[in-house]
Amino acid sequence: MTSLMIELLEIPKARQVSISDDTLTVDLSDGRTISVPLAWYPRLLHSKQNERSNWRFIGDNEGIHWSDIDEDISVKNIILGQPSAESQKSFQRWQEERIKS
């Protein structure tokens, strides 16, 4: 087993979240701060500031949930540098529903 695999067996917990116009930043329980581009998460990128601010931790701080935009992001995926896996078709449906509302 590689050292990366061993480290990921004990994924740190999220402690704080901040979102700028182009970056999602998460402070972790092991002291690290990880920033990733909002472009990785199209729903966050295309949401309003008040929607971005309405988040909560889920799964004992192993993920972040935005109820206004139905988005969940795990700490593990942030650490691994994995952007959203949502299909373009799904994202387009989401955008169309927002326009109707």
N, C-alpha and C. Protein backbone atom coordinates (compact mmCIF):
# COMPACT_ATOMS: atom_id res chain seq x y z
N MET A 1 0.85 -1.17 0.00
CA MET A 1 0.00 0.00 0.00
C MET A 1 0.89 1.24 0.00
N THR A 2 0.58 2.18 -0.86
CA THR A 2 1.38 3.39 -0.93
C THR A 2 1.07 4.30 0.24
N SER A 3 1.95 5.25 0.49
CA SER A 3 1.71 6.17 1.61
C SER A 3 0.48 7.03 1.36
N LEU A 4 0.16 7.35 0.10
CA LEU A 4 -1.04 8.12 -0.20
C LEU A 4 -2.27 7.33 0.21
N MET A 5 -2.29 6.03 -0.09
CA MET A 5 -3.43 5.19 0.27
C MET A 5 -3.58 5.12 1.78
N ILE A 6 -2.49 5.02 2.49
CA ILE A 6 -2.54 4.96 3.95
C ILE A 6 -3.09 6.27 4.50
N GLU A 7 -2.60 7.39 3.98
CA GLU A 7 -3.07 8.69 4.45
C GLU A 7 -4.56 8.86 4.22
N LEU A 8 -5.08 8.37 3.09
CA LEU A 8 -6.49 8.57 2.77
C LEU A 8 -7.41 7.67 3.58
N LEU A 9 -6.86 6.70 4.27
CA LEU A 9 -7.69 5.89 5.16
C LEU A 9 -8.21 6.75 6.31
N GLU A 10 -7.47 7.78 6.64
CA GLU A 10 -7.86 8.70 7.70
C GLU A 10 -8.02 10.09 7.11
N ILE A 11 -9.12 10.29 6.47
CA ILE A 11 -9.37 11.58 5.82
C ILE A 11 -9.65 12.63 6.89
N PRO A 12 -8.96 13.76 6.82
CA PRO A 12 -9.24 14.82 7.79
C PRO A 12 -10.65 15.37 7.60
N LYS A 13 -11.14 15.98 8.64
CA LYS A 13 -12.48 16.58 8.62
C LYS A 13 -12.39 18.04 8.19
N ALA A 14 -13.46 18.52 7.60
CA ALA A 14 -13.55 19.94 7.26
C ALA A 14 -13.83 20.72 8.54
N ARG A 15 -13.20 21.86 8.69
CA ARG A 15 -13.40 22.71 9.87
C ARG A 15 -14.03 24.05 9.51
N GLN A 16 -13.74 24.55 8.32
CA GLN A 16 -14.28 25.83 7.88
C GLN A 16 -14.32 25.85 6.36
N VAL A 17 -15.26 26.59 5.81
CA VAL A 17 -15.43 26.71 4.37
C VAL A 17 -15.55 28.18 4.03
N SER A 18 -14.87 28.60 2.97
CA SER A 18 -15.07 29.95 2.46
C SER A 18 -15.09 29.88 0.94
N ILE A 19 -15.87 30.79 0.36
CA ILE A 19 -16.05 30.79 -1.08
C ILE A 19 -15.90 32.22 -1.60
N SER A 20 -14.98 32.38 -2.54
CA SER A 20 -14.83 33.68 -3.20
C SER A 20 -15.52 33.58 -4.56
N ASP A 21 -15.33 34.57 -5.39
CA ASP A 21 -15.95 34.55 -6.71
C ASP A 21 -15.43 33.41 -7.59
N ASP A 22 -14.21 32.93 -7.29
CA ASP A 22 -13.65 31.90 -8.16
C ASP A 22 -12.98 30.72 -7.43
N THR A 23 -13.08 30.68 -6.08
CA THR A 23 -12.36 29.65 -5.33
C THR A 23 -13.19 29.12 -4.17
N LEU A 24 -13.12 27.80 -3.97
CA LEU A 24 -13.66 27.14 -2.79
C LEU A 24 -12.46 26.79 -1.92
N THR A 25 -12.48 27.24 -0.67
CA THR A 25 -11.38 26.99 0.25
C THR A 25 -11.91 26.27 1.48
N VAL A 26 -11.22 25.18 1.84
CA VAL A 26 -11.64 24.37 2.99
C VAL A 26 -10.46 24.22 3.95
N ASP A 27 -10.68 24.60 5.21
CA ASP A 27 -9.69 24.37 6.26
C ASP A 27 -9.95 22.98 6.83
N LEU A 28 -8.89 22.19 6.99
CA LEU A 28 -9.01 20.81 7.43
C LEU A 28 -8.52 20.62 8.86
N SER A 29 -8.98 19.55 9.48
CA SER A 29 -8.64 19.27 10.88
C SER A 29 -7.16 18.96 11.08
N ASP A 30 -6.43 18.61 10.01
CA ASP A 30 -5.00 18.32 10.14
C ASP A 30 -4.14 19.56 9.93
N GLY A 31 -4.77 20.74 9.81
CA GLY A 31 -4.03 21.99 9.67
C GLY A 31 -3.87 22.48 8.25
N ARG A 32 -4.19 21.65 7.29
CA ARG A 32 -4.08 22.08 5.89
C ARG A 32 -5.26 22.95 5.49
N THR A 33 -5.02 23.80 4.50
CA THR A 33 -6.07 24.55 3.84
C THR A 33 -5.95 24.24 2.36
N ILE A 34 -7.07 23.81 1.78
CA ILE A 34 -7.05 23.43 0.37
C ILE A 34 -8.01 24.34 -0.39
N SER A 35 -7.52 24.89 -1.49
CA SER A 35 -8.33 25.75 -2.35
C SER A 35 -8.42 25.10 -3.72
N VAL A 36 -9.64 25.11 -4.25
CA VAL A 36 -9.87 24.57 -5.59
C VAL A 36 -10.72 25.57 -6.37
N PRO A 37 -10.60 25.55 -7.69
CA PRO A 37 -11.37 26.50 -8.49
C PRO A 37 -12.87 26.19 -8.47
N LEU A 38 -13.69 27.22 -8.37
CA LEU A 38 -15.14 27.04 -8.44
C LEU A 38 -15.56 26.42 -9.77
N ALA A 39 -14.77 26.62 -10.80
CA ALA A 39 -15.09 26.05 -12.11
C ALA A 39 -15.20 24.53 -12.04
N TRP A 40 -14.61 23.92 -11.03
CA TRP A 40 -14.73 22.47 -10.84
C TRP A 40 -16.14 22.08 -10.42
N TYR A 41 -16.88 23.01 -9.89
CA TYR A 41 -18.22 22.76 -9.36
C TYR A 41 -19.19 23.76 -9.98
N PRO A 42 -19.70 23.45 -11.17
CA PRO A 42 -20.51 24.41 -11.92
C PRO A 42 -21.71 24.95 -11.16
N ARG A 43 -22.35 24.14 -10.32
CA ARG A 43 -23.50 24.65 -9.57
C ARG A 43 -23.07 25.76 -8.62
N LEU A 44 -21.93 25.60 -7.98
CA LEU A 44 -21.43 26.67 -7.11
C LEU A 44 -21.04 27.89 -7.94
N LEU A 45 -20.38 27.65 -9.04
CA LEU A 45 -19.92 28.75 -9.89
C LEU A 45 -21.09 29.60 -10.38
N HIS A 46 -22.21 28.96 -10.69
CA HIS A 46 -23.36 29.66 -11.25
C HIS A 46 -24.43 29.99 -10.22
N SER A 47 -24.11 29.87 -8.97
CA SER A 47 -25.08 30.19 -7.92
C SER A 47 -24.86 31.62 -7.42
N LYS A 48 -25.85 32.10 -6.69
CA LYS A 48 -25.78 33.44 -6.10
C LYS A 48 -24.99 33.38 -4.79
N GLN A 49 -24.47 34.51 -4.39
CA GLN A 49 -23.66 34.58 -3.17
C GLN A 49 -24.43 34.05 -1.95
N ASN A 50 -25.71 34.42 -1.82
CA ASN A 50 -26.47 33.95 -0.66
C ASN A 50 -26.66 32.43 -0.70
N GLU A 51 -26.74 31.83 -1.90
CA GLU A 51 -26.84 30.37 -2.01
C GLU A 51 -25.52 29.70 -1.64
N ARG A 52 -24.42 30.31 -2.05
CA ARG A 52 -23.10 29.78 -1.70
C ARG A 52 -22.85 29.84 -0.20
N SER A 53 -23.40 30.85 0.43
CA SER A 53 -23.19 31.03 1.88
C SER A 53 -24.04 30.09 2.72
N ASN A 54 -25.05 29.48 2.11
CA ASN A 54 -25.96 28.60 2.84
C ASN A 54 -25.49 27.15 2.73
N TRP A 55 -24.45 26.80 3.47
CA TRP A 55 -23.89 25.45 3.45
C TRP A 55 -23.90 24.88 4.87
N ARG A 56 -23.74 23.56 4.94
CA ARG A 56 -23.59 22.89 6.23
C ARG A 56 -22.70 21.67 6.03
N PHE A 57 -22.06 21.24 7.10
CA PHE A 57 -21.26 20.03 7.04
C PHE A 57 -22.17 18.82 7.08
N ILE A 58 -21.77 17.76 6.39
CA ILE A 58 -22.50 16.50 6.41
C ILE A 58 -21.53 15.36 6.73
N GLY A 59 -22.08 14.24 7.20
CA GLY A 59 -21.25 13.06 7.44
C GLY A 59 -20.12 13.28 8.40
N ASP A 60 -20.41 13.88 9.57
CA ASP A 60 -19.36 14.12 10.57
C ASP A 60 -18.22 14.96 9.98
N ASN A 61 -18.59 16.01 9.25
CA ASN A 61 -17.64 16.95 8.63
C ASN A 61 -16.78 16.31 7.53
N GLU A 62 -17.31 15.25 6.91
CA GLU A 62 -16.60 14.61 5.80
C GLU A 62 -17.03 15.18 4.45
N GLY A 63 -18.02 16.07 4.48
CA GLY A 63 -18.49 16.68 3.25
C GLY A 63 -19.21 17.98 3.54
N ILE A 64 -19.58 18.67 2.47
CA ILE A 64 -20.26 19.95 2.55
C ILE A 64 -21.50 19.88 1.67
N HIS A 65 -22.61 20.39 2.18
CA HIS A 65 -23.88 20.36 1.44
C HIS A 65 -24.43 21.77 1.30
N TRP A 66 -24.85 22.12 0.09
CA TRP A 66 -25.54 23.38 -0.20
C TRP A 66 -26.97 23.02 -0.58
N SER A 67 -27.90 23.24 0.32
CA SER A 67 -29.29 22.83 0.06
C SER A 67 -29.96 23.66 -1.04
N ASP A 68 -29.63 24.93 -1.14
CA ASP A 68 -30.27 25.80 -2.15
C ASP A 68 -29.97 25.37 -3.58
N ILE A 69 -28.83 24.73 -3.78
CA ILE A 69 -28.44 24.34 -5.14
C ILE A 69 -28.28 22.83 -5.28
N ASP A 70 -28.62 22.08 -4.23
CA ASP A 70 -28.55 20.62 -4.24
C ASP A 70 -27.16 20.13 -4.65
N GLU A 71 -26.15 20.61 -3.93
CA GLU A 71 -24.76 20.26 -4.22
C GLU A 71 -24.12 19.66 -2.98
N ASP A 72 -23.42 18.55 -3.17
CA ASP A 72 -22.63 17.92 -2.11
C ASP A 72 -21.22 17.72 -2.62
N ILE A 73 -20.24 18.08 -1.78
CA ILE A 73 -18.84 17.90 -2.13
C ILE A 73 -18.15 17.25 -0.95
N SER A 74 -17.45 16.15 -1.20
CA SER A 74 -16.75 15.46 -0.12
C SER A 74 -15.35 16.03 0.07
N VAL A 75 -14.88 15.98 1.30
CA VAL A 75 -13.51 16.40 1.60
C VAL A 75 -12.53 15.52 0.82
N LYS A 76 -12.83 14.24 0.74
CA LYS A 76 -11.96 13.31 0.01
C LYS A 76 -11.77 13.76 -1.44
N ASN A 77 -12.86 14.13 -2.12
CA ASN A 77 -12.74 14.57 -3.51
C ASN A 77 -11.96 15.87 -3.64
N ILE A 78 -12.11 16.75 -2.67
CA ILE A 78 -11.33 17.99 -2.69
C ILE A 78 -9.84 17.67 -2.54
N ILE A 79 -9.52 16.80 -1.59
CA ILE A 79 -8.12 16.43 -1.37
C ILE A 79 -7.53 15.75 -2.61
N LEU A 80 -8.32 14.89 -3.25
CA LEU A 80 -7.84 14.17 -4.43
C LEU A 80 -7.86 15.01 -5.70
N GLY A 81 -8.42 16.22 -5.61
CA GLY A 81 -8.47 17.09 -6.78
C GLY A 81 -9.47 16.63 -7.82
N GLN A 82 -10.58 16.04 -7.37
CA GLN A 82 -11.59 15.55 -8.29
C GLN A 82 -12.73 16.55 -8.43
N PRO A 83 -12.89 17.09 -9.62
CA PRO A 83 -14.00 18.03 -9.85
C PRO A 83 -15.33 17.29 -9.89
N SER A 84 -16.39 18.04 -10.01
CA SER A 84 -17.74 17.49 -10.09
C SER A 84 -17.83 16.47 -11.22
N ALA A 85 -18.56 15.40 -10.96
CA ALA A 85 -18.77 14.37 -11.98
C ALA A 85 -20.14 14.53 -12.63
N GLU A 86 -20.83 15.62 -12.34
CA GLU A 86 -22.15 15.84 -12.91
C GLU A 86 -22.04 15.99 -14.43
N SER A 87 -22.94 15.33 -15.13
CA SER A 87 -22.93 15.41 -16.60
C SER A 87 -23.38 16.79 -17.05
N GLN A 88 -22.97 17.15 -18.24
CA GLN A 88 -23.38 18.43 -18.82
C GLN A 88 -24.89 18.49 -18.96
N LYS A 89 -25.49 17.36 -19.35
CA LYS A 89 -26.94 17.31 -19.53
C LYS A 89 -27.66 17.57 -18.20
N SER A 90 -27.20 16.97 -17.12
CA SER A 90 -27.79 17.18 -15.80
C SER A 90 -27.63 18.64 -15.37
N PHE A 91 -26.46 19.20 -15.60
CA PHE A 91 -26.22 20.59 -15.23
C PHE A 91 -27.13 21.53 -16.02
N GLN A 92 -27.31 21.26 -17.31
CA GLN A 92 -28.20 22.08 -18.13
C GLN A 92 -29.64 22.03 -17.63
N ARG A 93 -30.10 20.83 -17.22
CA ARG A 93 -31.46 20.70 -16.66
C ARG A 93 -31.58 21.54 -15.39
N TRP A 94 -30.54 21.48 -14.56
CA TRP A 94 -30.53 22.26 -13.32
C TRP A 94 -30.64 23.75 -13.63
N GLN A 95 -29.87 24.22 -14.60
CA GLN A 95 -29.92 25.64 -14.97
C GLN A 95 -31.30 26.02 -15.51
N GLU A 96 -31.89 25.17 -16.33
CA GLU A 96 -33.21 25.46 -16.88
C GLU A 96 -34.26 25.55 -15.78
N GLU A 97 -34.18 24.67 -14.80
CA GLU A 97 -35.12 24.71 -13.66
C GLU A 97 -34.97 26.00 -12.87
N ARG A 98 -33.74 26.48 -12.72
CA ARG A 98 -33.50 27.73 -12.00
C ARG A 98 -34.12 28.92 -12.73
N ILE A 99 -34.06 28.90 -14.04
CA ILE A 99 -34.62 29.99 -14.84
C ILE A 99 -36.15 30.02 -14.69
N LYS A 100 -36.77 28.85 -14.62
CA LYS A 100 -38.21 28.75 -14.47
C LYS A 100 -38.70 29.25 -13.11
N SER A 101 -37.85 29.09 -12.11
CA SER A 101 -38.26 29.44 -10.74
C SER A 101 -38.29 30.92 -10.49
